[in-house]
Amino acid sequence: MNESLAATLGELQAQIYWLHDALKFAELASAAATIYMKLGYTQQQAETAGNLISQAYQFADDAANAQKAGDHDREIQFYQQVKDKLIQVETTLNYKNTIAIHQMQWWMHFRHRRKIQILLHLFLQHLKAVGLINLFTAIKLTYFLMEIVRVHKSRDIETTKNNAIKYWAELLKIKPPQYPYLG
């Protein structure tokens, strides 16, 4: 396992959360693209995935605004667009197991503050990506991502970065057939 790679990926992942908060979607797309290039994808695959991830974040924000406005149908339509963008990321990266639905679901449940559903979909996203043989790793990855989200919410960038580095260090140990991270 390359500790330097885990550190780089963790820093980029933490940066994405702050770029999202600052509504800097072009920079977010670039950071996401850099993650995929570091993971060995072609520049075109990485850039396409980065742009799609950025678009997914924007649709998730639109969904949150619809939720605040009390427009449930519009909110669901935006989350469907999130899922569609994340499925396009999977297609771009040649992923075999779809995890986009779980990413979209945990984002939605996060906005609705449904902790059990967040945990469930985070776990399923990781388990589907790394496989049953890596069950313990899927549990650890779910824990690290929950910590990343929790600490990010409190605006602690250093701890968020440290948790993201732990996440990537754990993930890179197993060399999964596909990565559970979609932004």
C-alpha atoms as a PDB file:
ATOM      1  CA  MET A   1       0.000   0.000   0.000  1.00  0.00           C
ATOM      2  CA  ASN A   2       1.316   3.400  -0.936  1.00  0.00           C
ATOM      3  CA  GLU A   3       0.939   5.753   2.040  1.00  0.00           C
ATOM      4  CA  SER A   4       1.764   8.727  -0.152  1.00  0.00           C
ATOM      5  CA  LEU A   5      -1.084   7.844  -2.523  1.00  0.00           C
ATOM      6  CA  ALA A   6      -3.518   7.442   0.395  1.00  0.00           C
ATOM      7  CA  ALA A   7      -2.462  10.862   1.728  1.00  0.00           C
ATOM      8  CA  THR A   8      -2.918  12.509  -1.661  1.00  0.00           C
ATOM      9  CA  LEU A   9      -6.327  10.898  -2.229  1.00  0.00           C
ATOM     10  CA  GLY A  10      -7.460  11.741   1.301  1.00  0.00           C
ATOM     11  CA  GLU A  11      -6.481  15.378   0.903  1.00  0.00           C
ATOM     12  CA  LEU A  12      -8.283  15.578  -2.438  1.00  0.00           C
ATOM     13  CA  GLN A  13     -11.393  13.957  -1.006  1.00  0.00           C
ATOM     14  CA  ALA A  14     -11.467  16.397   1.918  1.00  0.00           C
ATOM     15  CA  GLN A  15     -10.896  19.269  -0.512  1.00  0.00           C
ATOM     16  CA  ILE A  16     -13.941  18.187  -2.535  1.00  0.00           C
ATOM     17  CA  TYR A  17     -16.201  18.652   0.493  1.00  0.00           C
ATOM     18  CA  TRP A  18     -14.937  22.190   1.045  1.00  0.00           C
ATOM     19  CA  LEU A  19     -15.162  23.049  -2.656  1.00  0.00           C
ATOM     20  CA  HIS A  20     -18.760  21.843  -2.570  1.00  0.00           C
ATOM     21  CA  ASP A  21     -19.500  24.058   0.431  1.00  0.00           C
ATOM     22  CA  ALA A  22     -17.939  27.015  -1.421  1.00  0.00           C
ATOM     23  CA  LEU A  23     -19.924  26.166  -4.580  1.00  0.00           C
ATOM     24  CA  LYS A  24     -16.694  25.908  -6.594  1.00  0.00           C
ATOM     25  CA  PHE A  25     -17.894  23.186  -8.923  1.00  0.00           C
ATOM     26  CA  ALA A  26     -15.200  23.520 -11.600  1.00  0.00           C
ATOM     27  CA  GLU A  27     -12.499  23.047  -8.952  1.00  0.00           C
ATOM     28  CA  LEU A  28     -14.499  20.166  -7.458  1.00  0.00           C
ATOM     29  CA  ALA A  29     -14.582  18.473 -10.876  1.00  0.00           C
ATOM     30  CA  SER A  30     -10.829  18.935 -11.187  1.00  0.00           C
ATOM     31  CA  ALA A  31     -10.142  17.464  -7.733  1.00  0.00           C
ATOM     32  CA  ALA A  32     -12.385  14.462  -8.467  1.00  0.00           C
ATOM     33  CA  ALA A  33     -10.661  13.971 -11.836  1.00  0.00           C
ATOM     34  CA  THR A  34      -7.283  14.027 -10.105  1.00  0.00           C
ATOM     35  CA  ILE A  35      -8.421  11.273  -7.738  1.00  0.00           C
ATOM     36  CA  TYR A  36      -9.310   9.016 -10.659  1.00  0.00           C
ATOM     37  CA  MET A  37      -6.111   9.814 -12.535  1.00  0.00           C
ATOM     38  CA  LYS A  38      -4.135   8.876  -9.408  1.00  0.00           C
ATOM     39  CA  LEU A  39      -6.103   5.611  -9.316  1.00  0.00           C
ATOM     40  CA  GLY A  40      -4.910   4.778 -12.820  1.00  0.00           C
ATOM     41  CA  TYR A  41      -7.787   5.821 -15.047  1.00  0.00           C
ATOM     42  CA  THR A  42      -7.106   7.623 -18.320  1.00  0.00           C
ATOM     43  CA  GLN A  43      -7.217  11.397 -18.401  1.00  0.00           C
ATOM     44  CA  GLN A  44     -10.425  11.317 -20.448  1.00  0.00           C
ATOM     45  CA  GLN A  45     -12.126   8.874 -18.054  1.00  0.00           C
ATOM     46  CA  ALA A  46     -10.981  10.911 -15.061  1.00  0.00           C
ATOM     47  CA  GLU A  47     -12.104  14.249 -16.484  1.00  0.00           C
ATOM     48  CA  THR A  48     -15.467  12.843 -17.547  1.00  0.00           C
ATOM     49  CA  ALA A  49     -15.990  11.275 -14.106  1.00  0.00           C
ATOM     50  CA  GLY A  50     -14.948  14.514 -12.381  1.00  0.00           C
ATOM     51  CA  ASN A  51     -17.412  16.586 -14.409  1.00  0.00           C
ATOM     52  CA  LEU A  52     -20.232  14.110 -13.775  1.00  0.00           C
ATOM     53  CA  ILE A  53     -19.506  14.081 -10.043  1.00  0.00           C
ATOM     54  CA  SER A  54     -19.573  17.875  -9.990  1.00  0.00           C
ATOM     55  CA  GLN A  55     -22.940  17.817 -11.763  1.00  0.00           C
ATOM     56  CA  ALA A  56     -24.248  15.258  -9.261  1.00  0.00           C
ATOM     57  CA  TYR A  57     -23.312  17.577  -6.390  1.00  0.00           C
ATOM     58  CA  GLN A  58     -25.141  20.437  -8.092  1.00  0.00           C
ATOM     59  CA  PHE A  59     -28.278  18.345  -8.560  1.00  0.00           C
ATOM     60  CA  ALA A  60     -28.059  17.270  -4.901  1.00  0.00           C
ATOM     61  CA  ASP A  61     -28.000  20.949  -3.924  1.00  0.00           C
ATOM     62  CA  ASP A  62     -31.033  21.562  -6.149  1.00  0.00           C
ATOM     63  CA  ALA A  63     -32.748  18.652  -4.394  1.00  0.00           C
ATOM     64  CA  ALA A  64     -31.944  20.186  -0.999  1.00  0.00           C
ATOM     65  CA  ASN A  65     -33.434  23.496  -2.128  1.00  0.00           C
ATOM     66  CA  ALA A  66     -36.584  21.709  -3.323  1.00  0.00           C
ATOM     67  CA  GLN A  67     -36.763  19.932   0.040  1.00  0.00           C
ATOM     68  CA  LYS A  68     -36.542  23.268   1.882  1.00  0.00           C
ATOM     69  CA  ALA A  69     -39.296  24.623  -0.369  1.00  0.00           C
ATOM     70  CA  GLY A  70     -41.467  21.622   0.497  1.00  0.00           C
ATOM     71  CA  ASP A  71     -41.564  20.352  -3.102  1.00  0.00           C
ATOM     72  CA  HIS A  72     -41.122  16.608  -2.574  1.00  0.00           C
ATOM     73  CA  ASP A  73     -41.731  15.622  -6.204  1.00  0.00           C
ATOM     74  CA  ARG A  74     -39.118  18.062  -7.486  1.00  0.00           C
ATOM     75  CA  GLU A  75     -36.678  16.920  -4.807  1.00  0.00           C
ATOM     76  CA  ILE A  76     -37.049  13.300  -5.936  1.00  0.00           C
ATOM     77  CA  GLN A  77     -36.593  14.330  -9.584  1.00  0.00           C
ATOM     78  CA  PHE A  78     -33.298  16.006  -8.697  1.00  0.00           C
ATOM     79  CA  TYR A  79     -32.127  12.950  -6.768  1.00  0.00           C
ATOM     80  CA  GLN A  80     -32.939  10.809  -9.807  1.00  0.00           C
ATOM     81  CA  GLN A  81     -30.653  13.104 -11.795  1.00  0.00           C
ATOM     82  CA  VAL A  82     -27.967  12.629  -9.120  1.00  0.00           C
ATOM     83  CA  LYS A  83     -28.301   8.866  -9.515  1.00  0.00           C
ATOM     84  CA  ASP A  84     -28.180   9.149 -13.312  1.00  0.00           C
ATOM     85  CA  LYS A  85     -24.962  11.195 -13.169  1.00  0.00           C
ATOM     86  CA  LEU A  86     -23.360   8.723 -10.763  1.00  0.00           C
ATOM     87  CA  ILE A  87     -24.379   5.811 -13.000  1.00  0.00           C
ATOM     88  CA  GLN A  88     -22.652   7.629 -15.856  1.00  0.00           C
ATOM     89  CA  VAL A  89     -19.528   7.834 -13.656  1.00  0.00           C
ATOM     90  CA  GLU A  90     -19.711   4.064 -13.148  1.00  0.00           C
ATOM     91  CA  THR A  91     -20.099   3.502 -16.892  1.00  0.00           C
ATOM     92  CA  THR A  92     -17.161   5.814 -17.624  1.00  0.00           C
ATOM     93  CA  LEU A  93     -14.987   3.912 -15.154  1.00  0.00           C
ATOM     94  CA  ASN A  94     -16.199   0.473 -16.372  1.00  0.00           C
ATOM     95  CA  TYR A  95     -17.583  -0.526 -12.981  1.00  0.00           C
ATOM     96  CA  LYS A  96     -19.403  -3.849 -12.859  1.00  0.00           C
ATOM     97  CA  ASN A  97     -21.448  -3.411  -9.677  1.00  0.00           C
ATOM     98  CA  THR A  98     -23.681  -0.388  -9.504  1.00  0.00           C
ATOM     99  CA  ILE A  99     -23.349   1.563  -6.275  1.00  0.00           C
ATOM    100  CA  ALA A 100     -24.780   4.874  -7.533  1.00  0.00           C
ATOM    101  CA  ILE A 101     -28.203   4.243  -5.986  1.00  0.00           C
ATOM    102  CA  HIS A 102     -26.631   3.869  -2.557  1.00  0.00           C
ATOM    103  CA  GLN A 103     -24.540   7.024  -2.935  1.00  0.00           C
ATOM    104  CA  MET A 104     -27.634   8.976  -3.970  1.00  0.00           C
ATOM    105  CA  GLN A 105     -29.638   7.436  -1.132  1.00  0.00           C
ATOM    106  CA  TRP A 106     -27.133   8.285   1.581  1.00  0.00           C
ATOM    107  CA  TRP A 107     -26.842  11.851   0.267  1.00  0.00           C
ATOM    108  CA  MET A 108     -30.621  12.198   0.396  1.00  0.00           C
ATOM    109  CA  HIS A 109     -30.914  10.646   3.854  1.00  0.00           C
ATOM    110  CA  PHE A 110     -28.091  12.877   5.082  1.00  0.00           C
ATOM    111  CA  ARG A 111     -30.103  15.934   4.064  1.00  0.00           C
ATOM    112  CA  HIS A 112     -33.144  14.466   5.843  1.00  0.00           C
ATOM    113  CA  ARG A 113     -31.037  13.565   8.917  1.00  0.00           C
ATOM    114  CA  ARG A 114     -31.929   9.871   8.856  1.00  0.00           C
ATOM    115  CA  LYS A 115     -28.876   8.332  10.480  1.00  0.00           C
ATOM    116  CA  ILE A 116     -29.822   4.655  10.188  1.00  0.00           C
ATOM    117  CA  GLN A 117     -30.558   4.984   6.462  1.00  0.00           C
ATOM    118  CA  ILE A 118     -27.295   6.895   5.915  1.00  0.00           C
ATOM    119  CA  LEU A 119     -25.365   4.123   7.607  1.00  0.00           C
ATOM    120  CA  LEU A 120     -27.203   1.391   5.697  1.00  0.00           C
ATOM    121  CA  HIS A 121     -26.595   2.913   2.263  1.00  0.00           C
ATOM    122  CA  LEU A 122     -22.982   3.809   3.044  1.00  0.00           C
ATOM    123  CA  PHE A 123     -22.399   0.206   4.048  1.00  0.00           C
ATOM    124  CA  LEU A 124     -24.153  -1.202   0.974  1.00  0.00           C
ATOM    125  CA  GLN A 125     -22.195   1.152  -1.288  1.00  0.00           C
ATOM    126  CA  HIS A 126     -18.944  -0.164   0.155  1.00  0.00           C
ATOM    127  CA  LEU A 127     -19.957  -3.820   0.368  1.00  0.00           C
ATOM    128  CA  LYS A 128     -21.124  -3.926  -3.264  1.00  0.00           C
ATOM    129  CA  ALA A 129     -17.862  -2.358  -4.418  1.00  0.00           C
ATOM    130  CA  VAL A 130     -15.381  -4.410  -2.381  1.00  0.00           C
ATOM    131  CA  GLY A 131     -17.340  -7.666  -2.171  1.00  0.00           C
ATOM    132  CA  LEU A 132     -18.417  -9.968   0.634  1.00  0.00           C
ATOM    133  CA  ILE A 133     -14.906 -11.367   0.944  1.00  0.00           C
ATOM    134  CA  ASN A 134     -13.903  -7.904   2.222  1.00  0.00           C
ATOM    135  CA  LEU A 135     -16.814  -7.524   4.645  1.00  0.00           C
ATOM    136  CA  PHE A 136     -14.625  -6.260   7.494  1.00  0.00           C
ATOM    137  CA  THR A 137     -13.037  -3.701   5.188  1.00  0.00           C
ATOM    138  CA  ALA A 138     -16.498  -2.549   4.045  1.00  0.00           C
ATOM    139  CA  ILE A 139     -17.438  -1.993   7.695  1.00  0.00           C
ATOM    140  CA  LYS A 140     -14.242  -0.025   8.343  1.00  0.00           C
ATOM    141  CA  LEU A 141     -14.712   2.072   5.204  1.00  0.00           C
ATOM    142  CA  THR A 142     -18.285   2.836   6.232  1.00  0.00           C
ATOM    143  CA  TYR A 143     -17.045   3.941   9.658  1.00  0.00           C
ATOM    144  CA  PHE A 144     -14.326   6.172   8.189  1.00  0.00           C
ATOM    145  CA  LEU A 145     -16.751   7.806   5.770  1.00  0.00           C
ATOM    146  CA  MET A 146     -19.278   8.388   8.567  1.00  0.00           C
ATOM    147  CA  GLU A 147     -16.494  10.080  10.534  1.00  0.00           C
ATOM    148  CA  ILE A 148     -15.510  12.168   7.512  1.00  0.00           C
ATOM    149  CA  VAL A 149     -19.094  13.371   7.128  1.00  0.00           C
ATOM    150  CA  ARG A 150     -19.550  13.981  10.855  1.00  0.00           C
ATOM    151  CA  VAL A 151     -16.327  15.941  11.254  1.00  0.00           C
ATOM    152  CA  HIS A 152     -16.775  17.851   8.001  1.00  0.00           C
ATOM    153  CA  LYS A 153     -20.157  18.985   9.252  1.00  0.00           C
ATOM    154  CA  SER A 154     -18.379  20.573  12.241  1.00  0.00           C
ATOM    155  CA  ARG A 155     -15.948  22.289   9.813  1.00  0.00           C
ATOM    156  CA  ASP A 156     -12.784  20.621  11.095  1.00  0.00           C
ATOM    157  CA  ILE A 157     -10.690  20.337   7.922  1.00  0.00           C
ATOM    158  CA  GLU A 158      -7.642  18.671   9.495  1.00  0.00           C
ATOM    159  CA  THR A 159      -9.600  15.849  11.126  1.00  0.00           C
ATOM    160  CA  THR A 160     -11.640  15.423   7.951  1.00  0.00           C
ATOM    161  CA  LYS A 161      -8.382  15.074   5.997  1.00  0.00           C
ATOM    162  CA  ASN A 162      -6.982  12.589   8.515  1.00  0.00           C
ATOM    163  CA  ASN A 163     -10.123  10.449   8.345  1.00  0.00           C
ATOM    164  CA  ALA A 164     -10.076  10.574   4.544  1.00  0.00           C
ATOM    165  CA  ILE A 165      -6.443   9.451   4.528  1.00  0.00           C
ATOM    166  CA  LYS A 166      -7.375   6.511   6.806  1.00  0.00           C
ATOM    167  CA  TYR A 167     -10.254   5.695   4.443  1.00  0.00           C
ATOM    168  CA  TRP A 168      -7.970   5.542   1.411  1.00  0.00           C
ATOM    169  CA  ALA A 169      -5.205   3.690   3.257  1.00  0.00           C
ATOM    170  CA  GLU A 170      -7.711   0.976   4.193  1.00  0.00           C
ATOM    171  CA  LEU A 171      -9.206   0.842   0.722  1.00  0.00           C
ATOM    172  CA  LEU A 172      -5.877   0.667  -1.096  1.00  0.00           C
ATOM    173  CA  LYS A 173      -4.800  -2.304   1.047  1.00  0.00           C
ATOM    174  CA  ILE A 174      -7.273  -4.597  -0.715  1.00  0.00           C
ATOM    175  CA  LYS A 175      -6.899  -3.353  -4.297  1.00  0.00           C
ATOM    176  CA  PRO A 176     -10.639  -3.671  -5.037  1.00  0.00           C
ATOM    177  CA  PRO A 177     -12.010  -4.473  -8.495  1.00  0.00           C
ATOM    178  CA  GLN A 178     -13.800  -1.107  -8.324  1.00  0.00           C
ATOM    179  CA  TYR A 179     -13.676   1.801  -5.912  1.00  0.00           C
ATOM    180  CA  PRO A 180     -16.691   2.591  -3.734  1.00  0.00           C
ATOM    181  CA  TYR A 181     -15.897   6.313  -3.866  1.00  0.00           C
ATOM    182  CA  LEU A 182     -18.001   8.335  -6.331  1.00  0.00           C
ATOM    183  CA  GLY A 183     -17.385  11.804  -4.955  1.00  0.00           C
END
